[in-house]
Amino acid sequence: MTATMNADVCDEDEIRTGQRREGLYGAVFALEQKIAFAIAAVIGGYLLTRSGYVAHTTPSPEVLARLKFVYVAFPLACLGCAAIAIAGYPLTHKRMVAIRAELNARKPAAAS
């Protein structure tokens, strides 16, 4: 979940539960980011060594070609998976307008 989706999810959660839980979603988002960065570092190092790269040496043209392939193909594959996941995201603009209208209707009118 990206940070821009966080507010939408919080609004929908309030519709379902009646509670505002931005702190919970913010904490989970921060944890997700830390885990993703750690996994990316591990996978990046693994792919680097699997490509045949050896530190402090000049890579051969074969190794450079494998590195180019791995560091282009793997992110593109991950991007494709993310696009598939986002395609199923149920909070469309139309749905968010309806949620926002319902939340605004629930709030008591401000005293003048």
PDB file of N, CA and C in Angstrom:
ATOM      1  N   MET A   1       0.849  -1.173   0.000  1.00  0.00           N
ATOM      2  CA  MET A   1       0.000   0.000   0.000  1.00  0.00           C
ATOM      3  C   MET A   1       0.897   1.239   0.000  1.00  0.00           C
ATOM      4  N   THR A   2       0.618   2.148  -0.898  1.00  0.00           N
ATOM      5  CA  THR A   2       1.405   3.363  -0.937  1.00  0.00           C
ATOM      6  C   THR A   2       0.844   4.373   0.055  1.00  0.00           C
ATOM      7  N   ALA A   3       1.639   5.368   0.365  1.00  0.00           N
ATOM      8  CA  ALA A   3       1.228   6.381   1.341  1.00  0.00           C
ATOM      9  C   ALA A   3      -0.012   7.130   0.865  1.00  0.00           C
ATOM     10  N   THR A   4      -0.175   7.299  -0.424  1.00  0.00           N
ATOM     11  CA  THR A   4      -1.332   8.031  -0.928  1.00  0.00           C
ATOM     12  C   THR A   4      -2.628   7.243  -0.749  1.00  0.00           C
ATOM     13  N   MET A   5      -2.525   5.936  -0.632  1.00  0.00           N
ATOM     14  CA  MET A   5      -3.711   5.108  -0.425  1.00  0.00           C
ATOM     15  C   MET A   5      -4.081   5.025   1.050  1.00  0.00           C
ATOM     16  N   ASN A   6      -3.172   5.396   1.922  1.00  0.00           N
ATOM     17  CA  ASN A   6      -3.367   5.254   3.355  1.00  0.00           C
ATOM     18  C   ASN A   6      -4.601   6.004   3.841  1.00  0.00           C
ATOM     19  N   ALA A   7      -4.788   7.239   3.400  1.00  0.00           N
ATOM     20  CA  ALA A   7      -5.943   8.032   3.835  1.00  0.00           C
ATOM     21  C   ALA A   7      -7.243   7.405   3.348  1.00  0.00           C
ATOM     22  N   ASP A   8      -7.233   6.882   2.131  1.00  0.00           N
ATOM     23  CA  ASP A   8      -8.438   6.238   1.604  1.00  0.00           C
ATOM     24  C   ASP A   8      -8.804   5.006   2.432  1.00  0.00           C
ATOM     25  N   VAL A   9      -7.815   4.230   2.776  1.00  0.00           N
ATOM     26  CA  VAL A   9      -8.052   3.031   3.572  1.00  0.00           C
ATOM     27  C   VAL A   9      -8.565   3.417   4.962  1.00  0.00           C
ATOM     28  N   CYS A  10      -8.010   4.474   5.543  1.00  0.00           N
ATOM     29  CA  CYS A  10      -8.472   4.934   6.857  1.00  0.00           C
ATOM     30  C   CYS A  10      -9.928   5.377   6.798  1.00  0.00           C
ATOM     31  N   ASP A  11     -10.305   6.092   5.738  1.00  0.00           N
ATOM     32  CA  ASP A  11     -11.698   6.526   5.590  1.00  0.00           C
ATOM     33  C   ASP A  11     -12.627   5.326   5.446  1.00  0.00           C
ATOM     34  N   GLU A  12     -12.234   4.349   4.634  1.00  0.00           N
ATOM     35  CA  GLU A  12     -13.087   3.180   4.468  1.00  0.00           C
ATOM     36  C   GLU A  12     -13.171   2.387   5.766  1.00  0.00           C
ATOM     37  N   ASP A  13     -12.073   2.303   6.495  1.00  0.00           N
ATOM     38  CA  ASP A  13     -12.077   1.611   7.784  1.00  0.00           C
ATOM     39  C   ASP A  13     -13.027   2.307   8.764  1.00  0.00           C
ATOM     40  N   GLU A  14     -13.059   3.637   8.723  1.00  0.00           N
ATOM     41  CA  GLU A  14     -13.979   4.363   9.612  1.00  0.00           C
ATOM     42  C   GLU A  14     -15.432   4.057   9.261  1.00  0.00           C
ATOM     43  N   ILE A  15     -15.734   3.920   7.977  1.00  0.00           N
ATOM     44  CA  ILE A  15     -17.091   3.560   7.560  1.00  0.00           C
ATOM     45  C   ILE A  15     -17.457   2.186   8.125  1.00  0.00           C
ATOM     46  N   ARG A  16     -16.527   1.257   8.071  1.00  0.00           N
ATOM     47  CA  ARG A  16     -16.812  -0.116   8.519  1.00  0.00           C
ATOM     48  C   ARG A  16     -16.851  -0.247  10.028  1.00  0.00           C
ATOM     49  N   THR A  17     -15.921   0.431  10.733  1.00  0.00           N
ATOM     50  CA  THR A  17     -15.780   0.211  12.178  1.00  0.00           C
ATOM     51  C   THR A  17     -16.293   1.359  13.031  1.00  0.00           C
ATOM     52  N   GLY A  18     -16.386   2.552  12.457  1.00  0.00           N
ATOM     53  CA  GLY A  18     -16.782   3.715  13.246  1.00  0.00           C
ATOM     54  C   GLY A  18     -15.627   4.326  14.023  1.00  0.00           C
ATOM     55  N   GLN A  19     -14.417   3.843  13.804  1.00  0.00           N
ATOM     56  CA  GLN A  19     -13.238   4.353  14.520  1.00  0.00           C
ATOM     57  C   GLN A  19     -12.218   4.905  13.536  1.00  0.00           C
ATOM     58  N   ARG A  20     -11.472   5.940  13.970  1.00  0.00           N
ATOM     59  CA  ARG A  20     -10.356   6.460  13.176  1.00  0.00           C
ATOM     60  C   ARG A  20      -9.092   5.799  13.697  1.00  0.00           C
ATOM     61  N   ARG A  21      -8.368   5.132  12.818  1.00  0.00           N
ATOM     62  CA  ARG A  21      -7.164   4.412  13.252  1.00  0.00           C
ATOM     63  C   ARG A  21      -5.974   4.724  12.355  1.00  0.00           C
ATOM     64  N   GLU A  22      -5.737   6.028  12.120  1.00  0.00           N
ATOM     65  CA  GLU A  22      -4.616   6.420  11.273  1.00  0.00           C
ATOM     66  C   GLU A  22      -3.276   5.962  11.840  1.00  0.00           C
ATOM     67  N   GLY A  23      -3.162   6.015  13.166  1.00  0.00           N
ATOM     68  CA  GLY A  23      -1.910   5.613  13.812  1.00  0.00           C
ATOM     69  C   GLY A  23      -1.564   4.165  13.529  1.00  0.00           C
ATOM     70  N   LEU A  24      -2.562   3.310  13.612  1.00  0.00           N
ATOM     71  CA  LEU A  24      -2.352   1.895  13.332  1.00  0.00           C
ATOM     72  C   LEU A  24      -1.904   1.684  11.893  1.00  0.00           C
ATOM     73  N   TYR A  25      -2.597   2.324  10.960  1.00  0.00           N
ATOM     74  CA  TYR A  25      -2.236   2.161   9.553  1.00  0.00           C
ATOM     75  C   TYR A  25      -0.881   2.792   9.246  1.00  0.00           C
ATOM     76  N   GLY A  26      -0.573   3.906   9.886  1.00  0.00           N
ATOM     77  CA  GLY A  26       0.740   4.522   9.692  1.00  0.00           C
ATOM     78  C   GLY A  26       1.861   3.630  10.190  1.00  0.00           C
ATOM     79  N   ALA A  27       1.637   2.996  11.341  1.00  0.00           N
ATOM     80  CA  ALA A  27       2.651   2.097  11.899  1.00  0.00           C
ATOM     81  C   ALA A  27       2.861   0.871  11.017  1.00  0.00           C
ATOM     82  N   VAL A  28       1.769   0.307  10.524  1.00  0.00           N
ATOM     83  CA  VAL A  28       1.875  -0.862   9.655  1.00  0.00           C
ATOM     84  C   VAL A  28       2.587  -0.481   8.355  1.00  0.00           C
ATOM     85  N   PHE A  29       2.267   0.703   7.824  1.00  0.00           N
ATOM     86  CA  PHE A  29       2.912   1.162   6.597  1.00  0.00           C
ATOM     87  C   PHE A  29       4.423   1.318   6.812  1.00  0.00           C
ATOM     88  N   ALA A  30       4.821   1.908   7.940  1.00  0.00           N
ATOM     89  CA  ALA A  30       6.252   2.081   8.235  1.00  0.00           C
ATOM     90  C   ALA A  30       6.941   0.723   8.361  1.00  0.00           C
ATOM     91  N   LEU A  31       6.275  -0.227   9.016  1.00  0.00           N
ATOM     92  CA  LEU A  31       6.847  -1.571   9.153  1.00  0.00           C
ATOM     93  C   LEU A  31       6.983  -2.238   7.789  1.00  0.00           C
ATOM     94  N   GLU A  32       5.959  -2.104   6.949  1.00  0.00           N
ATOM     95  CA  GLU A  32       6.026  -2.675   5.593  1.00  0.00           C
ATOM     96  C   GLU A  32       7.218  -2.115   4.826  1.00  0.00           C
ATOM     97  N   GLN A  33       7.436  -0.808   4.942  1.00  0.00           N
ATOM     98  CA  GLN A  33       8.554  -0.186   4.229  1.00  0.00           C
ATOM     99  C   GLN A  33       9.890  -0.734   4.720  1.00  0.00           C
ATOM    100  N   LYS A  34      10.044  -0.870   6.022  1.00  0.00           N
ATOM    101  CA  LYS A  34      11.307  -1.380   6.565  1.00  0.00           C
ATOM    102  C   LYS A  34      11.551  -2.815   6.108  1.00  0.00           C
ATOM    103  N   ILE A  35      10.518  -3.625   6.119  1.00  0.00           N
ATOM    104  CA  ILE A  35      10.657  -5.011   5.675  1.00  0.00           C
ATOM    105  C   ILE A  35      10.992  -5.048   4.188  1.00  0.00           C
ATOM    106  N   ALA A  36      10.326  -4.216   3.393  1.00  0.00           N
ATOM    107  CA  ALA A  36      10.583  -4.194   1.946  1.00  0.00           C
ATOM    108  C   ALA A  36      12.018  -3.771   1.649  1.00  0.00           C
ATOM    109  N   PHE A  37      12.534  -2.760   2.360  1.00  0.00           N
ATOM    110  CA  PHE A  37      13.915  -2.325   2.144  1.00  0.00           C
ATOM    111  C   PHE A  37      14.899  -3.429   2.514  1.00  0.00           C
ATOM    112  N   ALA A  38      14.630  -4.146   3.604  1.00  0.00           N
ATOM    113  CA  ALA A  38      15.517  -5.235   4.016  1.00  0.00           C
ATOM    114  C   ALA A  38      15.504  -6.364   2.989  1.00  0.00           C
ATOM    115  N   ILE A  39      14.314  -6.725   2.523  1.00  0.00           N
ATOM    116  CA  ILE A  39      14.208  -7.787   1.522  1.00  0.00           C
ATOM    117  C   ILE A  39      14.890  -7.370   0.224  1.00  0.00           C
ATOM    118  N   ALA A  40      14.702  -6.113  -0.178  1.00  0.00           N
ATOM    119  CA  ALA A  40      15.338  -5.619  -1.404  1.00  0.00           C
ATOM    120  C   ALA A  40      16.859  -5.686  -1.299  1.00  0.00           C
ATOM    121  N   ALA A  41      17.405  -5.353  -0.137  1.00  0.00           N
ATOM    122  CA  ALA A  41      18.856  -5.415   0.042  1.00  0.00           C
ATOM    123  C   ALA A  41      19.364  -6.852  -0.054  1.00  0.00           C
ATOM    124  N   VAL A  42      18.643  -7.767   0.568  1.00  0.00           N
ATOM    125  CA  VAL A  42      19.054  -9.180   0.529  1.00  0.00           C
ATOM    126  C   VAL A  42      18.954  -9.724  -0.893  1.00  0.00           C
ATOM    127  N   ILE A  43      17.819  -9.471  -1.559  1.00  0.00           N
ATOM    128  CA  ILE A  43      17.646  -9.965  -2.928  1.00  0.00           C
ATOM    129  C   ILE A  43      18.656  -9.313  -3.864  1.00  0.00           C
ATOM    130  N   GLY A  44      18.905  -8.014  -3.685  1.00  0.00           N
ATOM    131  CA  GLY A  44      19.888  -7.325  -4.521  1.00  0.00           C
ATOM    132  C   GLY A  44      21.282  -7.929  -4.389  1.00  0.00           C
ATOM    133  N   GLY A  45      21.684  -8.223  -3.173  1.00  0.00           N
ATOM    134  CA  GLY A  45      22.989  -8.861  -2.956  1.00  0.00           C
ATOM    135  C   GLY A  45      23.040 -10.262  -3.532  1.00  0.00           C
ATOM    136  N   TYR A  46      21.954 -11.001  -3.347  1.00  0.00           N
ATOM    137  CA  TYR A  46      21.894 -12.360  -3.893  1.00  0.00           C
ATOM    138  C   TYR A  46      22.001 -12.334  -5.416  1.00  0.00           C
ATOM    139  N   LEU A  47      21.221 -11.456  -6.056  1.00  0.00           N
ATOM    140  CA  LEU A  47      21.260 -11.374  -7.513  1.00  0.00           C
ATOM    141  C   LEU A  47      22.629 -10.929  -8.017  1.00  0.00           C
ATOM    142  N   LEU A  48      23.277 -10.068  -7.268  1.00  0.00           N
ATOM    143  CA  LEU A  48      24.609  -9.598  -7.642  1.00  0.00           C
ATOM    144  C   LEU A  48      25.601 -10.759  -7.661  1.00  0.00           C
ATOM    145  N   THR A  49      25.586 -11.562  -6.609  1.00  0.00           N
ATOM    146  CA  THR A  49      26.525 -12.695  -6.561  1.00  0.00           C
ATOM    147  C   THR A  49      26.138 -13.800  -7.553  1.00  0.00           C
ATOM    148  N   ARG A  50      24.824 -14.037  -7.753  1.00  0.00           N
ATOM    149  CA  ARG A  50      24.393 -15.051  -8.715  1.00  0.00           C
ATOM    150  C   ARG A  50      24.748 -14.669 -10.147  1.00  0.00           C
ATOM    151  N   SER A  51      24.897 -13.375 -10.395  1.00  0.00           N
ATOM    152  CA  SER A  51      25.266 -12.925 -11.736  1.00  0.00           C
ATOM    153  C   SER A  51      26.742 -13.146 -12.022  1.00  0.00           C
ATOM    154  N   GLY A  52      27.501 -13.510 -11.006  1.00  0.00           N
ATOM    155  CA  GLY A  52      28.923 -13.772 -11.188  1.00  0.00           C
ATOM    156  C   GLY A  52      29.825 -12.602 -10.820  1.00  0.00           C
ATOM    157  N   TYR A  53      29.259 -11.565 -10.249  1.00  0.00           N
ATOM    158  CA  TYR A  53      30.068 -10.404  -9.880  1.00  0.00           C
ATOM    159  C   TYR A  53      30.931 -10.743  -8.674  1.00  0.00           C
ATOM    160  N   VAL A  54      32.196 -10.352  -8.753  1.00  0.00           N
ATOM    161  CA  VAL A  54      33.136 -10.525  -7.647  1.00  0.00           C
ATOM    162  C   VAL A  54      33.660  -9.146  -7.292  1.00  0.00           C
ATOM    163  N   ALA A  55      33.580  -8.813  -6.002  1.00  0.00           N
ATOM    164  CA  ALA A  55      33.999  -7.491  -5.553  1.00  0.00           C
ATOM    165  C   ALA A  55      35.480  -7.259  -5.835  1.00  0.00           C
ATOM    166  N   HIS A  56      35.835  -6.013  -6.093  1.00  0.00           N
ATOM    167  CA  HIS A  56      37.221  -5.563  -6.315  1.00  0.00           C
ATOM    168  C   HIS A  56      37.844  -6.164  -7.581  1.00  0.00           C
ATOM    169  N   THR A  57      37.007  -6.567  -8.524  1.00  0.00           N
ATOM    170  CA  THR A  57      37.509  -7.048  -9.812  1.00  0.00           C
ATOM    171  C   THR A  57      36.725  -6.344 -10.915  1.00  0.00           C
ATOM    172  N   THR A  58      37.298  -6.344 -12.092  1.00  0.00           N
ATOM    173  CA  THR A  58      36.593  -5.787 -13.244  1.00  0.00           C
ATOM    174  C   THR A  58      35.712  -6.884 -13.826  1.00  0.00           C
ATOM    175  N   PRO A  59      34.390  -6.639 -13.886  1.00  0.00           N
ATOM    176  CA  PRO A  59      33.505  -7.696 -14.394  1.00  0.00           C
ATOM    177  C   PRO A  59      33.706  -7.932 -15.890  1.00  0.00           C
ATOM    178  N   SER A  60      33.575  -9.182 -16.276  1.00  0.00           N
ATOM    179  CA  SER A  60      33.690  -9.538 -17.686  1.00  0.00           C
ATOM    180  C   SER A  60      32.437  -9.059 -18.432  1.00  0.00           C
ATOM    181  N   PRO A  61      32.504  -9.005 -19.752  1.00  0.00           N
ATOM    182  CA  PRO A  61      31.307  -8.618 -20.513  1.00  0.00           C
ATOM    183  C   PRO A  61      30.112  -9.546 -20.258  1.00  0.00           C
ATOM    184  N   GLU A  62      30.367 -10.835 -20.032  1.00  0.00           N
ATOM    185  CA  GLU A  62      29.280 -11.778 -19.717  1.00  0.00           C
ATOM    186  C   GLU A  62      28.590 -11.402 -18.409  1.00  0.00           C
ATOM    187  N   VAL A  63      29.405 -11.092 -17.408  1.00  0.00           N
ATOM    188  CA  VAL A  63      28.857 -10.721 -16.101  1.00  0.00           C
ATOM    189  C   VAL A  63      28.076  -9.415 -16.217  1.00  0.00           C
ATOM    190  N   LEU A  64      28.600  -8.454 -16.958  1.00  0.00           N
ATOM    191  CA  LEU A  64      27.895  -7.187 -17.151  1.00  0.00           C
ATOM    192  C   LEU A  64      26.558  -7.398 -17.856  1.00  0.00           C
ATOM    193  N   ALA A  65      26.536  -8.288 -18.828  1.00  0.00           N
ATOM    194  CA  ALA A  65      25.280  -8.572 -19.529  1.00  0.00           C
ATOM    195  C   ALA A  65      24.263  -9.213 -18.588  1.00  0.00           C
ATOM    196  N   ARG A  66      24.730 -10.159 -17.751  1.00  0.00           N
ATOM    197  CA  ARG A  66      23.824 -10.784 -16.777  1.00  0.00           C
ATOM    198  C   ARG A  66      23.319  -9.768 -15.767  1.00  0.00           C
ATOM    199  N   LEU A  67      24.212  -8.892 -15.312  1.00  0.00           N
ATOM    200  CA  LEU A  67      23.803  -7.853 -14.362  1.00  0.00           C
ATOM    201  C   LEU A  67      22.744  -6.932 -14.964  1.00  0.00           C
ATOM    202  N   LYS A  68      22.958  -6.527 -16.213  1.00  0.00           N
ATOM    203  CA  LYS A  68      21.975  -5.668 -16.873  1.00  0.00           C
ATOM    204  C   LYS A  68      20.627  -6.371 -16.975  1.00  0.00           C
ATOM    205  N   PHE A  69      20.658  -7.642 -17.354  1.00  0.00           N
ATOM    206  CA  PHE A  69      19.415  -8.389 -17.482  1.00  0.00           C
ATOM    207  C   PHE A  69      18.711  -8.515 -16.136  1.00  0.00           C
ATOM    208  N   VAL A  70      19.451  -8.934 -15.120  1.00  0.00           N
ATOM    209  CA  VAL A  70      18.858  -9.164 -13.795  1.00  0.00           C
ATOM    210  C   VAL A  70      18.316  -7.870 -13.207  1.00  0.00           C
ATOM    211  N   TYR A  71      19.068  -6.781 -13.324  1.00  0.00           N
ATOM    212  CA  TYR A  71      18.647  -5.527 -12.708  1.00  0.00           C
ATOM    213  C   TYR A  71      17.651  -4.741 -13.556  1.00  0.00           C
ATOM    214  N   VAL A  72      17.270  -5.276 -14.695  1.00  0.00           N
ATOM    215  CA  VAL A  72      16.161  -4.711 -15.463  1.00  0.00           C
ATOM    216  C   VAL A  72      14.974  -5.672 -15.385  1.00  0.00           C
ATOM    217  N   ALA A  73      15.206  -6.945 -15.603  1.00  0.00           N
ATOM    218  CA  ALA A  73      14.115  -7.928 -15.654  1.00  0.00           C
ATOM    219  C   ALA A  73      13.438  -8.114 -14.300  1.00  0.00           C
ATOM    220  N   PHE A  74      14.209  -8.220 -13.238  1.00  0.00           N
ATOM    221  CA  PHE A  74      13.610  -8.467 -11.922  1.00  0.00           C
ATOM    222  C   PHE A  74      12.711  -7.307 -11.477  1.00  0.00           C
ATOM    223  N   PRO A  75      13.177  -6.041 -11.550  1.00  0.00           N
ATOM    224  CA  PRO A  75      12.266  -4.944 -11.183  1.00  0.00           C
ATOM    225  C   PRO A  75      11.034  -4.866 -12.086  1.00  0.00           C
ATOM    226  N   LEU A  76      11.189  -5.151 -13.374  1.00  0.00           N
ATOM    227  CA  LEU A  76      10.023  -5.132 -14.263  1.00  0.00           C
ATOM    228  C   LEU A  76       9.022  -6.224 -13.887  1.00  0.00           C
ATOM    229  N   ALA A  77       9.512  -7.390 -13.523  1.00  0.00           N
ATOM    230  CA  ALA A  77       8.622  -8.466 -13.092  1.00  0.00           C
ATOM    231  C   ALA A  77       7.886  -8.076 -11.810  1.00  0.00           C
ATOM    232  N   CYS A  78       8.591  -7.464 -10.883  1.00  0.00           N
ATOM    233  CA  CYS A  78       7.960  -7.004  -9.641  1.00  0.00           C
ATOM    234  C   CYS A  78       6.940  -5.909  -9.921  1.00  0.00           C
ATOM    235  N   LEU A  79       7.256  -5.024 -10.847  1.00  0.00           N
ATOM    236  CA  LEU A  79       6.324  -3.966 -11.229  1.00  0.00           C
ATOM    237  C   LEU A  79       5.065  -4.558 -11.854  1.00  0.00           C
ATOM    238  N   GLY A  80       5.226  -5.592 -12.653  1.00  0.00           N
ATOM    239  CA  GLY A  80       4.071  -6.271 -13.235  1.00  0.00           C
ATOM    240  C   GLY A  80       3.187  -6.901 -12.171  1.00  0.00           C
ATOM    241  N   CYS A  81       3.806  -7.526 -11.177  1.00  0.00           N
ATOM    242  CA  CYS A  81       3.036  -8.105 -10.060  1.00  0.00           C
ATOM    243  C   CYS A  81       2.290  -7.020  -9.296  1.00  0.00           C
ATOM    244  N   ALA A  82       2.950  -5.881  -9.078  1.00  0.00           N
ATOM    245  CA  ALA A  82       2.305  -4.773  -8.379  1.00  0.00           C
ATOM    246  C   ALA A  82       1.129  -4.233  -9.186  1.00  0.00           C
ATOM    247  N   ALA A  83       1.276  -4.144 -10.501  1.00  0.00           N
ATOM    248  CA  ALA A  83       0.189  -3.659 -11.350  1.00  0.00           C
ATOM    249  C   ALA A  83      -1.018  -4.592 -11.280  1.00  0.00           C
ATOM    250  N   ILE A  84      -0.766  -5.885 -11.240  1.00  0.00           N
ATOM    251  CA  ILE A  84      -1.854  -6.854 -11.115  1.00  0.00           C
ATOM    252  C   ILE A  84      -2.555  -6.688  -9.767  1.00  0.00           C
ATOM    253  N   ALA A  85      -1.770  -6.500  -8.710  1.00  0.00           N
ATOM    254  CA  ALA A  85      -2.359  -6.312  -7.378  1.00  0.00           C
ATOM    255  C   ALA A  85      -3.178  -5.030  -7.310  1.00  0.00           C
ATOM    256  N   ILE A  86      -2.682  -3.954  -7.906  1.00  0.00           N
ATOM    257  CA  ILE A  86      -3.384  -2.668  -7.882  1.00  0.00           C
ATOM    258  C   ILE A  86      -4.665  -2.743  -8.713  1.00  0.00           C
ATOM    259  N   ALA A  87      -4.679  -3.558  -9.753  1.00  0.00           N
ATOM    260  CA  ALA A  87      -5.879  -3.674 -10.594  1.00  0.00           C
ATOM    261  C   ALA A  87      -7.073  -4.165  -9.781  1.00  0.00           C
ATOM    262  N   GLY A  88      -6.831  -4.914  -8.744  1.00  0.00           N
ATOM    263  CA  GLY A  88      -7.910  -5.408  -7.894  1.00  0.00           C
ATOM    264  C   GLY A  88      -8.233  -4.512  -6.717  1.00  0.00           C
ATOM    265  N   TYR A  89      -7.635  -3.336  -6.641  1.00  0.00           N
ATOM    266  CA  TYR A  89      -7.850  -2.404  -5.531  1.00  0.00           C
ATOM    267  C   TYR A  89      -9.279  -1.877  -5.586  1.00  0.00           C
ATOM    268  N   PRO A  90     -10.087  -2.110  -4.555  1.00  0.00           N
ATOM    269  CA  PRO A  90     -11.514  -1.791  -4.635  1.00  0.00           C
ATOM    270  C   PRO A  90     -11.879  -0.323  -4.410  1.00  0.00           C
ATOM    271  N   LEU A  91     -10.973   0.491  -3.921  1.00  0.00           N
ATOM    272  CA  LEU A  91     -11.310   1.879  -3.603  1.00  0.00           C
ATOM    273  C   LEU A  91     -11.082   2.781  -4.810  1.00  0.00           C
ATOM    274  N   THR A  92     -12.081   2.839  -5.670  1.00  0.00           N
ATOM    275  CA  THR A  92     -12.020   3.689  -6.849  1.00  0.00           C
ATOM    276  C   THR A  92     -12.370   5.122  -6.469  1.00  0.00           C
ATOM    277  N   HIS A  93     -12.192   6.048  -7.399  1.00  0.00           N
ATOM    278  CA  HIS A  93     -12.527   7.453  -7.142  1.00  0.00           C
ATOM    279  C   HIS A  93     -14.012   7.585  -6.795  1.00  0.00           C
ATOM    280  N   LYS A  94     -14.854   6.897  -7.535  1.00  0.00           N
ATOM    281  CA  LYS A  94     -16.298   6.951  -7.296  1.00  0.00           C
ATOM    282  C   LYS A  94     -16.624   6.454  -5.886  1.00  0.00           C
ATOM    283  N   ARG A  95     -16.012   5.359  -5.484  1.00  0.00           N
ATOM    284  CA  ARG A  95     -16.241   4.799  -4.143  1.00  0.00           C
ATOM    285  C   ARG A  95     -15.752   5.765  -3.073  1.00  0.00           C
ATOM    286  N   MET A  96     -14.612   6.421  -3.293  1.00  0.00           N
ATOM    287  CA  MET A  96     -14.074   7.346  -2.291  1.00  0.00           C
ATOM    288  C   MET A  96     -14.954   8.594  -2.156  1.00  0.00           C
ATOM    289  N   VAL A  97     -15.543   9.059  -3.250  1.00  0.00           N
ATOM    290  CA  VAL A  97     -16.460  10.200  -3.166  1.00  0.00           C
ATOM    291  C   VAL A  97     -17.667   9.822  -2.301  1.00  0.00           C
ATOM    292  N   ALA A  98     -18.189   8.611  -2.485  1.00  0.00           N
ATOM    293  CA  ALA A  98     -19.324   8.151  -1.688  1.00  0.00           C
ATOM    294  C   ALA A  98     -18.949   8.013  -0.214  1.00  0.00           C
ATOM    295  N   ILE A  99     -17.769   7.473   0.056  1.00  0.00           N
ATOM    296  CA  ILE A  99     -17.305   7.324   1.439  1.00  0.00           C
ATOM    297  C   ILE A  99     -17.149   8.686   2.092  1.00  0.00           C
ATOM    298  N   ARG A 100     -16.523   9.619   1.385  1.00  0.00           N
ATOM    299  CA  ARG A 100     -16.313  10.961   1.939  1.00  0.00           C
ATOM    300  C   ARG A 100     -17.654  11.640   2.229  1.00  0.00           C
ATOM    301  N   ALA A 101     -18.628  11.476   1.340  1.00  0.00           N
ATOM    302  CA  ALA A 101     -19.956  12.069   1.556  1.00  0.00           C
ATOM    303  C   ALA A 101     -20.618  11.460   2.788  1.00  0.00           C
ATOM    304  N   GLU A 102     -20.505  10.148   2.946  1.00  0.00           N
ATOM    305  CA  GLU A 102     -21.102   9.498   4.121  1.00  0.00           C
ATOM    306  C   GLU A 102     -20.422   9.943   5.408  1.00  0.00           C
ATOM    307  N   LEU A 103     -19.099  10.053   5.393  1.00  0.00           N
ATOM    308  CA  LEU A 103     -18.391  10.506   6.594  1.00  0.00           C
ATOM    309  C   LEU A 103     -18.767  11.946   6.935  1.00  0.00           C
ATOM    310  N   ASN A 104     -18.867  12.805   5.933  1.00  0.00           N
ATOM    311  CA  ASN A 104     -19.247  14.190   6.188  1.00  0.00           C
ATOM    312  C   ASN A 104     -20.670  14.275   6.734  1.00  0.00           C
ATOM    313  N   ALA A 105     -21.566  13.402   6.273  1.00  0.00           N
ATOM    314  CA  ALA A 105     -22.948  13.402   6.759  1.00  0.00           C
ATOM    315  C   ALA A 105     -23.019  12.929   8.209  1.00  0.00           C
ATOM    316  N   ARG A 106     -22.096  12.081   8.625  1.00  0.00           N
ATOM    317  CA  ARG A 106     -22.089  11.575  10.011  1.00  0.00           C
ATOM    318  C   ARG A 106     -21.640  12.625  11.010  1.00  0.00           C
ATOM    319  N   LYS A 107     -20.806  13.572  10.583  1.00  0.00           N
ATOM    320  CA  LYS A 107     -20.269  14.566  11.502  1.00  0.00           C
ATOM    321  C   LYS A 107     -21.350  15.573  11.861  1.00  0.00           C
ATOM    322  N   PRO A 108     -21.416  15.926  13.134  1.00  0.00           N
ATOM    323  CA  PRO A 108     -22.416  16.921  13.522  1.00  0.00           C
ATOM    324  C   PRO A 108     -22.060  18.284  12.923  1.00  0.00           C
ATOM    325  N   ALA A 109     -23.063  19.064  12.637  1.00  0.00           N
ATOM    326  CA  ALA A 109     -22.835  20.411  12.076  1.00  0.00           C
ATOM    327  C   ALA A 109     -22.087  21.255  13.085  1.00  0.00           C
ATOM    328  N   ALA A 110     -21.148  22.044  12.596  1.00  0.00           N
ATOM    329  CA  ALA A 110     -20.347  22.893  13.481  1.00  0.00           C
ATOM    330  C   ALA A 110     -21.232  24.014  14.048  1.00  0.00           C
ATOM    331  N   ALA A 111     -21.069  24.259  15.317  1.00  0.00           N
ATOM    332  CA  ALA A 111     -21.864  25.332  15.954  1.00  0.00           C
ATOM    333  C   ALA A 111     -21.348  26.683  15.500  1.00  0.00           C
ATOM    334  N   SER A 112     -22.268  27.629  15.228  1.00  0.00           N
ATOM    335  CA  SER A 112     -21.815  28.939  14.762  1.00  0.00           C
ATOM    336  C   SER A 112     -21.563  29.893  15.881  1.00  0.00           C
TER     337      SER A 112
END
